Full PDB file with SEQRES, HELIX, SHEET, SSBOND, CRYST1, ORIGX, SCALE, CONECT and MASTER records, all heavy atoms in Angstrom:
SEQRES   1 A   38  ARG ASP HIS GLY ASN THR PHE ASP MET HIS ARG LEU LEU          
SEQRES   2 A   38  HIS PHE ALA LYS GLU GLN GLY ARG GLN ASP GLU LEU ILE          
SEQRES   3 A   38  GLY LEU LEU TYR ARG ALA ASN PHE ALA GLU GLU ARG              
HELIX    1 AA1 PHE A    7  GLU A   18  1                                  12    
HELIX    2 AA2 GLN A   22  ALA A   35  1                                  14    
CRYST1    1.000    1.000    1.000  90.00  90.00  90.00 P 1           1          
ORIGX1      1.000000  0.000000  0.000000        0.00000                         
ORIGX2      0.000000  1.000000  0.000000        0.00000                         
ORIGX3      0.000000  0.000000  1.000000        0.00000                         
SCALE1      1.000000  0.000000  0.000000        0.00000                         
SCALE2      0.000000  1.000000  0.000000        0.00000                         
SCALE3      0.000000  0.000000  1.000000        0.00000                         
ATOM      1  N   ARG A   1      10.605  -1.790  13.109  1.00  0.00           N  
ATOM      2  CA  ARG A   1       9.701  -2.067  11.996  1.00  0.00           C  
ATOM      3  C   ARG A   1       9.631  -3.583  11.784  1.00  0.00           C  
ATOM      4  O   ARG A   1      10.525  -4.319  12.182  1.00  0.00           O  
ATOM      5  CB  ARG A   1      10.183  -1.397  10.717  1.00  0.00           C  
ATOM      6  CG  ARG A   1       9.936   0.090  10.656  1.00  0.00           C  
ATOM      7  CD  ARG A   1      10.088   0.660   9.247  1.00  0.00           C  
ATOM      8  NE  ARG A   1      11.355   0.322   8.614  1.00  0.00           N  
ATOM      9  CZ  ARG A   1      11.486  -0.549   7.605  1.00  0.00           C  
ATOM     10  NH1 ARG A   1      10.426  -1.185   7.139  1.00  0.00           N  
ATOM     11  NH2 ARG A   1      12.676  -0.792   7.098  1.00  0.00           N  
ATOM     12  N   ASP A   2       8.544  -4.029  11.106  1.00  0.00           N  
ATOM     13  CA  ASP A   2       8.450  -5.451  10.796  1.00  0.00           C  
ATOM     14  C   ASP A   2       8.409  -5.666   9.288  1.00  0.00           C  
ATOM     15  O   ASP A   2       8.381  -4.713   8.500  1.00  0.00           O  
ATOM     16  CB  ASP A   2       7.251  -6.108  11.491  1.00  0.00           C  
ATOM     17  CG  ASP A   2       5.920  -5.488  11.082  1.00  0.00           C  
ATOM     18  OD1 ASP A   2       5.904  -4.576  10.219  1.00  0.00           O  
ATOM     19  OD2 ASP A   2       4.884  -5.908  11.631  1.00  0.00           O  
ATOM     20  N   HIS A   3       8.435  -6.927   8.889  1.00  0.00           N  
ATOM     21  CA  HIS A   3       8.526  -7.297   7.474  1.00  0.00           C  
ATOM     22  C   HIS A   3       7.618  -8.485   7.220  1.00  0.00           C  
ATOM     23  O   HIS A   3       7.505  -9.393   8.049  1.00  0.00           O  
ATOM     24  CB  HIS A   3       9.978  -7.661   7.137  1.00  0.00           C  
ATOM     25  CG  HIS A   3      10.165  -8.141   5.721  1.00  0.00           C  
ATOM     26  ND1 HIS A   3      10.260  -7.274   4.654  1.00  0.00           N  
ATOM     27  CD2 HIS A   3      10.262  -9.396   5.200  1.00  0.00           C  
ATOM     28  CE1 HIS A   3      10.422  -7.971   3.546  1.00  0.00           C  
ATOM     29  NE2 HIS A   3      10.429  -9.258   3.848  1.00  0.00           N  
ATOM     30  N   GLY A   4       6.944  -8.481   6.077  1.00  0.00           N  
ATOM     31  CA  GLY A   4       6.056  -9.587   5.756  1.00  0.00           C  
ATOM     32  C   GLY A   4       5.743  -9.644   4.274  1.00  0.00           C  
ATOM     33  O   GLY A   4       6.380  -8.982   3.444  1.00  0.00           O  
ATOM     34  N   ASN A   5       4.751 -10.440   3.936  1.00  0.00           N  
ATOM     35  CA  ASN A   5       4.331 -10.647   2.560  1.00  0.00           C  
ATOM     36  C   ASN A   5       3.535  -9.439   2.055  1.00  0.00           C  
ATOM     37  O   ASN A   5       2.680  -8.915   2.763  1.00  0.00           O  
ATOM     38  CB  ASN A   5       3.480 -11.925   2.484  1.00  0.00           C  
ATOM     39  CG  ASN A   5       2.987 -12.211   1.091  1.00  0.00           C  
ATOM     40  OD1 ASN A   5       2.053 -11.580   0.610  1.00  0.00           O  
ATOM     41  ND2 ASN A   5       3.611 -13.159   0.428  1.00  0.00           N  
ATOM     42  N   THR A   6       3.808  -9.002   0.821  1.00  0.00           N  
ATOM     43  CA  THR A   6       3.148  -7.804   0.278  1.00  0.00           C  
ATOM     44  C   THR A   6       2.171  -8.109  -0.857  1.00  0.00           C  
ATOM     45  O   THR A   6       1.649  -7.188  -1.491  1.00  0.00           O  
ATOM     46  CB  THR A   6       4.205  -6.805  -0.252  1.00  0.00           C  
ATOM     47  OG1 THR A   6       5.004  -7.444  -1.254  1.00  0.00           O  
ATOM     48  CG2 THR A   6       5.095  -6.312   0.879  1.00  0.00           C  
ATOM     49  N   PHE A   7       1.897  -9.385  -1.107  1.00  0.00           N  
ATOM     50  CA  PHE A   7       1.066  -9.753  -2.255  1.00  0.00           C  
ATOM     51  C   PHE A   7      -0.323  -9.117  -2.186  1.00  0.00           C  
ATOM     52  O   PHE A   7      -0.839  -8.600  -3.194  1.00  0.00           O  
ATOM     53  CB  PHE A   7       0.944 -11.278  -2.341  1.00  0.00           C  
ATOM     54  CG  PHE A   7       0.271 -11.773  -3.592  1.00  0.00           C  
ATOM     55  CD1 PHE A   7       0.841 -11.522  -4.832  1.00  0.00           C  
ATOM     56  CD2 PHE A   7      -0.910 -12.482  -3.526  1.00  0.00           C  
ATOM     57  CE1 PHE A   7       0.224 -11.977  -6.001  1.00  0.00           C  
ATOM     58  CE2 PHE A   7      -1.527 -12.939  -4.689  1.00  0.00           C  
ATOM     59  CZ  PHE A   7      -0.964 -12.691  -5.926  1.00  0.00           C  
ATOM     60  N   ASP A   8      -0.960  -9.141  -1.016  1.00  0.00           N  
ATOM     61  CA  ASP A   8      -2.296  -8.550  -0.898  1.00  0.00           C  
ATOM     62  C   ASP A   8      -2.274  -7.044  -1.146  1.00  0.00           C  
ATOM     63  O   ASP A   8      -3.233  -6.485  -1.690  1.00  0.00           O  
ATOM     64  CB  ASP A   8      -2.886  -8.835   0.494  1.00  0.00           C  
ATOM     65  CG  ASP A   8      -3.358 -10.270   0.635  1.00  0.00           C  
ATOM     66  OD1 ASP A   8      -3.425 -10.980  -0.391  1.00  0.00           O  
ATOM     67  OD2 ASP A   8      -3.665 -10.680   1.769  1.00  0.00           O  
ATOM     68  N   MET A   9      -1.210  -6.380  -0.757  1.00  0.00           N  
ATOM     69  CA  MET A   9      -1.107  -4.943  -1.021  1.00  0.00           C  
ATOM     70  C   MET A   9      -1.032  -4.678  -2.517  1.00  0.00           C  
ATOM     71  O   MET A   9      -1.650  -3.739  -3.022  1.00  0.00           O  
ATOM     72  CB  MET A   9       0.124  -4.367  -0.315  1.00  0.00           C  
ATOM     73  CG  MET A   9       0.062  -4.465   1.190  1.00  0.00           C  
ATOM     74  SD  MET A   9       1.538  -3.749   1.943  1.00  0.00           S  
ATOM     75  CE  MET A   9       1.750  -4.850   3.339  1.00  0.00           C  
ATOM     76  N   HIS A  10      -0.298  -5.518  -3.235  1.00  0.00           N  
ATOM     77  CA  HIS A  10      -0.212  -5.358  -4.686  1.00  0.00           C  
ATOM     78  C   HIS A  10      -1.572  -5.613  -5.333  1.00  0.00           C  
ATOM     79  O   HIS A  10      -1.962  -4.912  -6.284  1.00  0.00           O  
ATOM     80  CB  HIS A  10       0.852  -6.282  -5.262  1.00  0.00           C  
ATOM     81  CG  HIS A  10       2.248  -5.850  -4.971  1.00  0.00           C  
ATOM     82  ND1 HIS A  10       2.776  -4.675  -5.482  1.00  0.00           N  
ATOM     83  CD2 HIS A  10       3.231  -6.409  -4.221  1.00  0.00           C  
ATOM     84  CE1 HIS A  10       4.028  -4.545  -5.071  1.00  0.00           C  
ATOM     85  NE2 HIS A  10       4.325  -5.581  -4.298  1.00  0.00           N  
ATOM     86  N   ARG A  11      -2.297  -6.610  -4.835  1.00  0.00           N  
ATOM     87  CA  ARG A  11      -3.636  -6.866  -5.390  1.00  0.00           C  
ATOM     88  C   ARG A  11      -4.533  -5.654  -5.159  1.00  0.00           C  
ATOM     89  O   ARG A  11      -5.284  -5.224  -6.056  1.00  0.00           O  
ATOM     90  CB  ARG A  11      -4.245  -8.108  -4.735  1.00  0.00           C  
ATOM     91  CG  ARG A  11      -3.521  -9.403  -5.069  1.00  0.00           C  
ATOM     92  CD  ARG A  11      -4.329 -10.639  -4.718  1.00  0.00           C  
ATOM     93  NE  ARG A  11      -4.690 -10.735  -3.314  1.00  0.00           N  
ATOM     94  CZ  ARG A  11      -5.919 -10.581  -2.834  1.00  0.00           C  
ATOM     95  NH1 ARG A  11      -6.940 -10.279  -3.645  1.00  0.00           N  
ATOM     96  NH2 ARG A  11      -6.161 -10.715  -1.531  1.00  0.00           N  
ATOM     97  N   LEU A  12      -4.443  -5.091  -3.971  1.00  0.00           N  
ATOM     98  CA  LEU A  12      -5.251  -3.919  -3.650  1.00  0.00           C  
ATOM     99  C   LEU A  12      -4.863  -2.711  -4.507  1.00  0.00           C  
ATOM    100  O   LEU A  12      -5.722  -1.910  -4.903  1.00  0.00           O  
ATOM    101  CB  LEU A  12      -5.094  -3.597  -2.160  1.00  0.00           C  
ATOM    102  CG  LEU A  12      -6.173  -2.726  -1.498  1.00  0.00           C  
ATOM    103  CD1 LEU A  12      -7.549  -3.347  -1.657  1.00  0.00           C  
ATOM    104  CD2 LEU A  12      -5.838  -2.534  -0.022  1.00  0.00           C  
ATOM    105  N   LEU A  13      -3.591  -2.599  -4.828  1.00  0.00           N  
ATOM    106  CA  LEU A  13      -3.135  -1.504  -5.685  1.00  0.00           C  
ATOM    107  C   LEU A  13      -3.684  -1.623  -7.104  1.00  0.00           C  
ATOM    108  O   LEU A  13      -3.965  -0.610  -7.759  1.00  0.00           O  
ATOM    109  CB  LEU A  13      -1.606  -1.450  -5.710  1.00  0.00           C  
ATOM    110  CG  LEU A  13      -0.961  -0.822  -4.474  1.00  0.00           C  
ATOM    111  CD1 LEU A  13       0.524  -1.151  -4.417  1.00  0.00           C  
ATOM    112  CD2 LEU A  13      -1.169   0.695  -4.475  1.00  0.00           C  
ATOM    113  N   HIS A  14      -3.849  -2.844  -7.590  1.00  0.00           N  
ATOM    114  CA  HIS A  14      -4.463  -3.020  -8.911  1.00  0.00           C  
ATOM    115  C   HIS A  14      -5.932  -2.625  -8.880  1.00  0.00           C  
ATOM    116  O   HIS A  14      -6.445  -2.032  -9.836  1.00  0.00           O  
ATOM    117  CB  HIS A  14      -4.283  -4.457  -9.394  1.00  0.00           C  
ATOM    118  CG  HIS A  14      -2.959  -4.698 -10.045  1.00  0.00           C  
ATOM    119  ND1 HIS A  14      -2.706  -4.366 -11.360  1.00  0.00           N  
ATOM    120  CD2 HIS A  14      -1.810  -5.214  -9.558  1.00  0.00           C  
ATOM    121  CE1 HIS A  14      -1.463  -4.671 -11.660  1.00  0.00           C  
ATOM    122  NE2 HIS A  14      -0.889  -5.190 -10.585  1.00  0.00           N  
ATOM    123  N   PHE A  15      -6.604  -2.945  -7.791  1.00  0.00           N  
ATOM    124  CA  PHE A  15      -7.990  -2.489  -7.625  1.00  0.00           C  
ATOM    125  C   PHE A  15      -8.030  -0.961  -7.592  1.00  0.00           C  
ATOM    126  O   PHE A  15      -8.878  -0.333  -8.243  1.00  0.00           O  
ATOM    127  CB  PHE A  15      -8.574  -3.073  -6.333  1.00  0.00           C  
ATOM    128  CG  PHE A  15      -9.851  -2.428  -5.891  1.00  0.00           C  
ATOM    129  CD1 PHE A  15     -10.999  -2.514  -6.664  1.00  0.00           C  
ATOM    130  CD2 PHE A  15      -9.915  -1.726  -4.697  1.00  0.00           C  
ATOM    131  CE1 PHE A  15     -12.188  -1.904  -6.252  1.00  0.00           C  
ATOM    132  CE2 PHE A  15     -11.090  -1.119  -4.281  1.00  0.00           C  
ATOM    133  CZ  PHE A  15     -12.233  -1.207  -5.063  1.00  0.00           C  
ATOM    134  N   ALA A  16      -7.111  -0.355  -6.855  1.00  0.00           N  
ATOM    135  CA  ALA A  16      -7.064   1.110  -6.758  1.00  0.00           C  
ATOM    136  C   ALA A  16      -6.794   1.740  -8.117  1.00  0.00           C  
ATOM    137  O   ALA A  16      -7.307   2.826  -8.424  1.00  0.00           O  
ATOM    138  CB  ALA A  16      -5.996   1.526  -5.755  1.00  0.00           C  
ATOM    139  N   LYS A  17      -5.991   1.082  -8.938  1.00  0.00           N  
ATOM    140  CA  LYS A  17      -5.712   1.601 -10.280  1.00  0.00           C  
ATOM    141  C   LYS A  17      -7.002   1.706 -11.074  1.00  0.00           C  
ATOM    142  O   LYS A  17      -7.240   2.710 -11.785  1.00  0.00           O  
ATOM    143  CB  LYS A  17      -4.719   0.691 -10.992  1.00  0.00           C  
ATOM    144  CG  LYS A  17      -4.381   1.143 -12.406  1.00  0.00           C  
ATOM    145  CD  LYS A  17      -3.492   0.121 -13.098  1.00  0.00           C  
ATOM    146  CE  LYS A  17      -3.279   0.509 -14.558  1.00  0.00           C  
ATOM    147  NZ  LYS A  17      -2.515  -0.536 -15.292  1.00  0.00           N  
ATOM    148  N   GLU A  18      -7.862   0.699 -10.994  1.00  0.00           N  
ATOM    149  CA  GLU A  18      -9.145   0.739 -11.705  1.00  0.00           C  
ATOM    150  C   GLU A  18     -10.013   1.908 -11.251  1.00  0.00           C  
ATOM    151  O   GLU A  18     -10.799   2.441 -12.030  1.00  0.00           O  
ATOM    152  CB  GLU A  18      -9.912  -0.566 -11.476  1.00  0.00           C  
ATOM    153  CG  GLU A  18      -9.362  -1.759 -12.206  1.00  0.00           C  
ATOM    154  CD  GLU A  18     -10.249  -2.978 -12.085  1.00  0.00           C  
ATOM    155  OE1 GLU A  18     -11.162  -2.966 -11.223  1.00  0.00           O  
ATOM    156  OE2 GLU A  18     -10.038  -3.942 -12.829  1.00  0.00           O  
ATOM    157  N   GLN A  19      -9.851   2.290  -9.990  1.00  0.00           N  
ATOM    158  CA  GLN A  19     -10.649   3.384  -9.430  1.00  0.00           C  
ATOM    159  C   GLN A  19      -9.968   4.742  -9.556  1.00  0.00           C  
ATOM    160  O   GLN A  19     -10.477   5.742  -9.047  1.00  0.00           O  
ATOM    161  CB  GLN A  19     -10.936   3.090  -7.943  1.00  0.00           C  
ATOM    162  CG  GLN A  19     -11.554   1.735  -7.670  1.00  0.00           C  
ATOM    163  CD  GLN A  19     -12.870   1.540  -8.388  1.00  0.00           C  
ATOM    164  OE1 GLN A  19     -13.746   2.404  -8.345  1.00  0.00           O  
ATOM    165  NE2 GLN A  19     -13.035   0.384  -9.047  1.00  0.00           N  
ATOM    166  N   GLY A  20      -8.789   4.766 -10.171  1.00  0.00           N  
ATOM    167  CA  GLY A  20      -8.063   6.026 -10.326  1.00  0.00           C  
ATOM    168  C   GLY A  20      -7.446   6.537  -9.040  1.00  0.00           C  
ATOM    169  O   GLY A  20      -7.164   7.732  -8.912  1.00  0.00           O  
ATOM    170  N   ARG A  21      -7.170   5.624  -8.087  1.00  0.00           N  
ATOM    171  CA  ARG A  21      -6.633   6.040  -6.785  1.00  0.00           C  
ATOM    172  C   ARG A  21      -5.336   5.308  -6.455  1.00  0.00           C  
ATOM    173  O   ARG A  21      -4.935   5.227  -5.290  1.00  0.00           O  
ATOM    174  CB  ARG A  21      -7.657   5.772  -5.665  1.00  0.00           C  
ATOM    175  CG  ARG A  21      -9.050   6.275  -5.933  1.00  0.00           C  
ATOM    176  CD  ARG A  21      -9.090   7.777  -6.151  1.00  0.00           C  
ATOM    177  NE  ARG A  21      -8.729   8.518  -4.959  1.00  0.00           N  
ATOM    178  CZ  ARG A  21      -8.650   9.842  -4.910  1.00  0.00           C  
ATOM    179  NH1 ARG A  21      -8.875  10.563  -6.004  1.00  0.00           N  
ATOM    180  NH2 ARG A  21      -8.313  10.460  -3.798  1.00  0.00           N  
ATOM    181  N   GLN A  22      -4.641   4.818  -7.458  1.00  0.00           N  
ATOM    182  CA  GLN A  22      -3.444   4.010  -7.212  1.00  0.00           C  
ATOM    183  C   GLN A  22      -2.327   4.807  -6.562  1.00  0.00           C  
ATOM    184  O   GLN A  22      -1.695   4.348  -5.599  1.00  0.00           O  
ATOM    185  CB  GLN A  22      -2.963   3.389  -8.517  1.00  0.00           C  
ATOM    186  CG  GLN A  22      -1.858   2.348  -8.327  1.00  0.00           C  
ATOM    187  CD  GLN A  22      -1.262   1.886  -9.637  1.00  0.00           C  
ATOM    188  OE1 GLN A  22      -0.960   2.690 -10.512  1.00  0.00           O  
ATOM    189  NE2 GLN A  22      -1.096   0.582  -9.778  1.00  0.00           N  
ATOM    190  N   ASP A  23      -2.047   5.991  -7.081  1.00  0.00           N  
ATOM    191  CA  ASP A  23      -0.941   6.767  -6.532  1.00  0.00           C  
ATOM    192  C   ASP A  23      -1.210   7.168  -5.093  1.00  0.00           C  
ATOM    193  O   ASP A  23      -0.301   7.159  -4.253  1.00  0.00           O  
ATOM    194  CB  ASP A  23      -0.688   8.009  -7.390  1.00  0.00           C  
ATOM    195  CG  ASP A  23       0.644   8.672  -7.055  1.00  0.00           C  
ATOM    196  OD1 ASP A  23       1.688   8.044  -7.293  1.00  0.00           O  
ATOM    197  OD2 ASP A  23       0.629   9.795  -6.539  1.00  0.00           O  
ATOM    198  N   GLU A  24      -2.473   7.505  -4.799  1.00  0.00           N  
ATOM    199  CA  GLU A  24      -2.822   7.864  -3.420  1.00  0.00           C  
ATOM    200  C   GLU A  24      -2.593   6.682  -2.477  1.00  0.00           C  
ATOM    201  O   GLU A  24      -2.039   6.843  -1.387  1.00  0.00           O  
ATOM    202  CB  GLU A  24      -4.293   8.295  -3.340  1.00  0.00           C  
ATOM    203  CG  GLU A  24      -4.584   9.640  -3.984  1.00  0.00           C  
ATOM    204  CD  GLU A  24      -4.767   9.555  -5.487  1.00  0.00           C  
ATOM    205  OE1 GLU A  24      -4.650   8.436  -6.047  1.00  0.00           O  
ATOM    206  OE2 GLU A  24      -5.012  10.599  -6.117  1.00  0.00           O  
ATOM    207  N   LEU A  25      -2.993   5.484  -2.917  1.00  0.00           N  
ATOM    208  CA  LEU A  25      -2.866   4.321  -2.042  1.00  0.00           C  
ATOM    209  C   LEU A  25      -1.409   3.922  -1.842  1.00  0.00           C  
ATOM    210  O   LEU A  25      -1.004   3.623  -0.709  1.00  0.00           O  
ATOM    211  CB  LEU A  25      -3.656   3.141  -2.603  1.00  0.00           C  
ATOM    212  CG  LEU A  25      -3.601   1.858  -1.755  1.00  0.00           C  
ATOM    213  CD1 LEU A  25      -4.090   2.112  -0.335  1.00  0.00           C  
ATOM    214  CD2 LEU A  25      -4.395   0.731  -2.408  1.00  0.00           C  
ATOM    215  N   ILE A  26      -0.622   3.922  -2.899  1.00  0.00           N  
ATOM    216  CA  ILE A  26       0.766   3.481  -2.713  1.00  0.00           C  
ATOM    217  C   ILE A  26       1.518   4.443  -1.797  1.00  0.00           C  
ATOM    218  O   ILE A  26       2.354   4.027  -0.980  1.00  0.00           O  
ATOM    219  CB  ILE A  26       1.491   3.302  -4.064  1.00  0.00           C  
ATOM    220  CG1 ILE A  26       2.735   2.426  -3.859  1.00  0.00           C  
ATOM    221  CG2 ILE A  26       1.854   4.632  -4.707  1.00  0.00           C  
ATOM    222  CD1 ILE A  26       3.372   1.962  -5.156  1.00  0.00           C  
ATOM    223  N   GLY A  27       1.201   5.729  -1.885  1.00  0.00           N  
ATOM    224  CA  GLY A  27       1.840   6.688  -0.982  1.00  0.00           C  
ATOM    225  C   GLY A  27       1.491   6.430   0.467  1.00  0.00           C  
ATOM    226  O   GLY A  27       2.352   6.494   1.354  1.00  0.00           O  
ATOM    227  N   LEU A  28       0.227   6.091   0.716  1.00  0.00           N  
ATOM    228  CA  LEU A  28      -0.205   5.793   2.086  1.00  0.00           C  
ATOM    229  C   LEU A  28       0.395   4.486   2.595  1.00  0.00           C  
ATOM    230  O   LEU A  28       0.762   4.373   3.767  1.00  0.00           O  
ATOM    231  CB  LEU A  28      -1.729   5.726   2.140  1.00  0.00           C  
ATOM    232  CG  LEU A  28      -2.455   7.065   1.984  1.00  0.00           C  
ATOM    233  CD1 LEU A  28      -3.950   6.846   1.750  1.00  0.00           C  
ATOM    234  CD2 LEU A  28      -2.241   7.931   3.220  1.00  0.00           C  
ATOM    235  N   LEU A  29       0.509   3.499   1.719  1.00  0.00           N  
ATOM    236  CA  LEU A  29       1.114   2.221   2.115  1.00  0.00           C  
ATOM    237  C   LEU A  29       2.588   2.400   2.476  1.00  0.00           C  
ATOM    238  O   LEU A  29       3.067   1.846   3.471  1.00  0.00           O  
ATOM    239  CB  LEU A  29       0.966   1.201   0.989  1.00  0.00           C  
ATOM    240  CG  LEU A  29      -0.435   0.634   0.763  1.00  0.00           C  
ATOM    241  CD1 LEU A  29      -0.500  -0.149  -0.541  1.00  0.00           C  
ATOM    242  CD2 LEU A  29      -0.869  -0.255   1.928  1.00  0.00           C  
ATOM    243  N   TYR A  30       3.298   3.172   1.669  1.00  0.00           N  
ATOM    244  CA  TYR A  30       4.705   3.442   1.978  1.00  0.00           C  
ATOM    245  C   TYR A  30       4.841   4.116   3.345  1.00  0.00           C  
ATOM    246  O   TYR A  30       5.660   3.706   4.177  1.00  0.00           O  
ATOM    247  CB  TYR A  30       5.319   4.351   0.916  1.00  0.00           C  
ATOM    248  CG  TYR A  30       5.816   3.646  -0.316  1.00  0.00           C  
ATOM    249  CD1 TYR A  30       5.565   4.181  -1.580  1.00  0.00           C  
ATOM    250  CD2 TYR A  30       6.559   2.476  -0.248  1.00  0.00           C  
ATOM    251  CE1 TYR A  30       6.031   3.565  -2.727  1.00  0.00           C  
ATOM    252  CE2 TYR A  30       7.023   1.848  -1.378  1.00  0.00           C  
ATOM    253  CZ  TYR A  30       6.760   2.399  -2.622  1.00  0.00           C  
ATOM    254  OH  TYR A  30       7.219   1.781  -3.751  1.00  0.00           O  
ATOM    255  N   ARG A  31       4.069   5.152   3.544  1.00  0.00           N  
ATOM    256  CA  ARG A  31       4.175   5.886   4.801  1.00  0.00           C  
ATOM    257  C   ARG A  31       3.820   4.995   5.995  1.00  0.00           C  
ATOM    258  O   ARG A  31       4.503   5.010   7.022  1.00  0.00           O  
ATOM    259  CB  ARG A  31       3.281   7.132   4.786  1.00  0.00           C  
ATOM    260  CG  ARG A  31       3.339   7.874   6.107  1.00  0.00           C  
ATOM    261  CD  ARG A  31       2.679   9.221   6.112  1.00  0.00           C  
ATOM    262  NE  ARG A  31       2.775   9.790   7.450  1.00  0.00           N  
ATOM    263  CZ  ARG A  31       3.841  10.375   7.945  1.00  0.00           C  
ATOM    264  NH1 ARG A  31       4.926  10.501   7.200  1.00  0.00           N  
ATOM    265  NH2 ARG A  31       3.860  10.849   9.169  1.00  0.00           N  
ATOM    266  N   ALA A  32       2.765   4.209   5.837  1.00  0.00           N  
ATOM    267  CA  ALA A  32       2.354   3.327   6.923  1.00  0.00           C  
ATOM    268  C   ALA A  32       3.438   2.314   7.258  1.00  0.00           C  
ATOM    269  O   ALA A  32       3.713   2.026   8.431  1.00  0.00           O  
ATOM    270  CB  ALA A  32       1.060   2.607   6.544  1.00  0.00           C  
ATOM    271  N   ASN A  33       4.089   1.767   6.243  1.00  0.00           N  
ATOM    272  CA  ASN A  33       5.107   0.745   6.484  1.00  0.00           C  
ATOM    273  C   ASN A  33       6.400   1.313   7.043  1.00  0.00           C  
ATOM    274  O   ASN A  33       7.009   0.719   7.934  1.00  0.00           O  
ATOM    275  CB  ASN A  33       5.400  -0.012   5.187  1.00  0.00           C  
ATOM    276  CG  ASN A  33       6.389  -1.151   5.395  1.00  0.00           C  
ATOM    277  OD1 ASN A  33       6.306  -1.880   6.380  1.00  0.00           O  
ATOM    278  ND2 ASN A  33       7.321  -1.297   4.481  1.00  0.00           N  
ATOM    279  N   PHE A  34       6.810   2.450   6.536  1.00  0.00           N  
ATOM    280  CA  PHE A  34       8.124   2.979   6.913  1.00  0.00           C  
ATOM    281  C   PHE A  34       8.107   4.043   8.002  1.00  0.00           C  
ATOM    282  O   PHE A  34       9.136   4.276   8.636  1.00  0.00           O  
ATOM    283  CB  PHE A  34       8.837   3.534   5.677  1.00  0.00           C  
ATOM    284  CG  PHE A  34       9.247   2.470   4.706  1.00  0.00           C  
ATOM    285  CD1 PHE A  34       8.575   2.331   3.499  1.00  0.00           C  
ATOM    286  CD2 PHE A  34      10.275   1.591   5.002  1.00  0.00           C  
ATOM    287  CE1 PHE A  34       8.935   1.336   2.615  1.00  0.00           C  
ATOM    288  CE2 PHE A  34      10.636   0.593   4.130  1.00  0.00           C  
ATOM    289  CZ  PHE A  34       9.976   0.460   2.919  1.00  0.00           C  
ATOM    290  N   ALA A  35       6.966   4.681   8.223  1.00  0.00           N  
ATOM    291  CA  ALA A  35       6.971   5.808   9.156  1.00  0.00           C  
ATOM    292  C   ALA A  35       6.027   5.656  10.337  1.00  0.00           C  
ATOM    293  O   ALA A  35       6.188   6.356  11.342  1.00  0.00           O  
ATOM    294  CB  ALA A  35       6.621   7.098   8.402  1.00  0.00           C  
ATOM    295  N   GLU A  36       5.057   4.735  10.239  1.00  0.00           N  
ATOM    296  CA  GLU A  36       4.061   4.628  11.299  1.00  0.00           C  
ATOM    297  C   GLU A  36       4.270   3.366  12.125  1.00  0.00           C  
ATOM    298  O   GLU A  36       4.841   2.382  11.660  1.00  0.00           O  
ATOM    299  CB  GLU A  36       2.660   4.679  10.695  1.00  0.00           C  
ATOM    300  CG  GLU A  36       2.380   6.000   9.979  1.00  0.00           C  
ATOM    301  CD  GLU A  36       1.035   6.037   9.276  1.00  0.00           C  
ATOM    302  OE1 GLU A  36       0.268   5.055   9.390  1.00  0.00           O  
ATOM    303  OE2 GLU A  36       0.743   7.047   8.606  1.00  0.00           O  
ATOM    304  N   GLU A  37       3.776   3.413  13.341  1.00  0.00           N  
ATOM    305  CA  GLU A  37       4.037   2.317  14.291  1.00  0.00           C  
ATOM    306  C   GLU A  37       3.214   1.073  13.986  1.00  0.00           C  
ATOM    307  O   GLU A  37       3.699  -0.049  14.127  1.00  0.00           O  
ATOM    308  CB  GLU A  37       3.745   2.807  15.714  1.00  0.00           C  
ATOM    309  CG  GLU A  37       4.089   1.791  16.783  1.00  0.00           C  
ATOM    310  CD  GLU A  37       3.950   2.363  18.178  1.00  0.00           C  
ATOM    311  OE1 GLU A  37       3.768   3.592  18.309  1.00  0.00           O  
ATOM    312  OE2 GLU A  37       4.020   1.579  19.140  1.00  0.00           O  
ATOM    313  N   ARG A  38       1.980   1.232  13.606  1.00  0.00           N  
ATOM    314  CA  ARG A  38       1.103   0.076  13.400  1.00  0.00           C  
ATOM    315  C   ARG A  38       1.491  -0.701  12.144  1.00  0.00           C  
ATOM    316  O   ARG A  38       1.714  -0.123  11.082  1.00  0.00           O  
ATOM    317  CB  ARG A  38      -0.352   0.547  13.292  1.00  0.00           C  
ATOM    318  CG  ARG A  38      -1.354  -0.589  13.222  1.00  0.00           C  
ATOM    319  CD  ARG A  38      -2.759  -0.040  13.206  1.00  0.00           C  
ATOM    320  NE  ARG A  38      -3.743  -1.075  12.942  1.00  0.00           N  
ATOM    321  CZ  ARG A  38      -5.021  -0.845  12.685  1.00  0.00           C  
ATOM    322  NH1 ARG A  38      -5.459   0.425  12.675  1.00  0.00           N  
ATOM    323  NH2 ARG A  38      -5.860  -1.831  12.448  1.00  0.00           N  
TER     324      ARG A  38                                                      
MASTER        0    0    0    2    0    0    0    6  323    1    0    3          
END                                                                             
């Protein structure tokens, strides 16, 4: 796995909150970072 800056992800999560999709996005971000290759 790799490691980097997460600021843009947090900004995107605030946008998702406005759209009522925050929980869906954070779950996908977690899975992508910890379980997926890309």
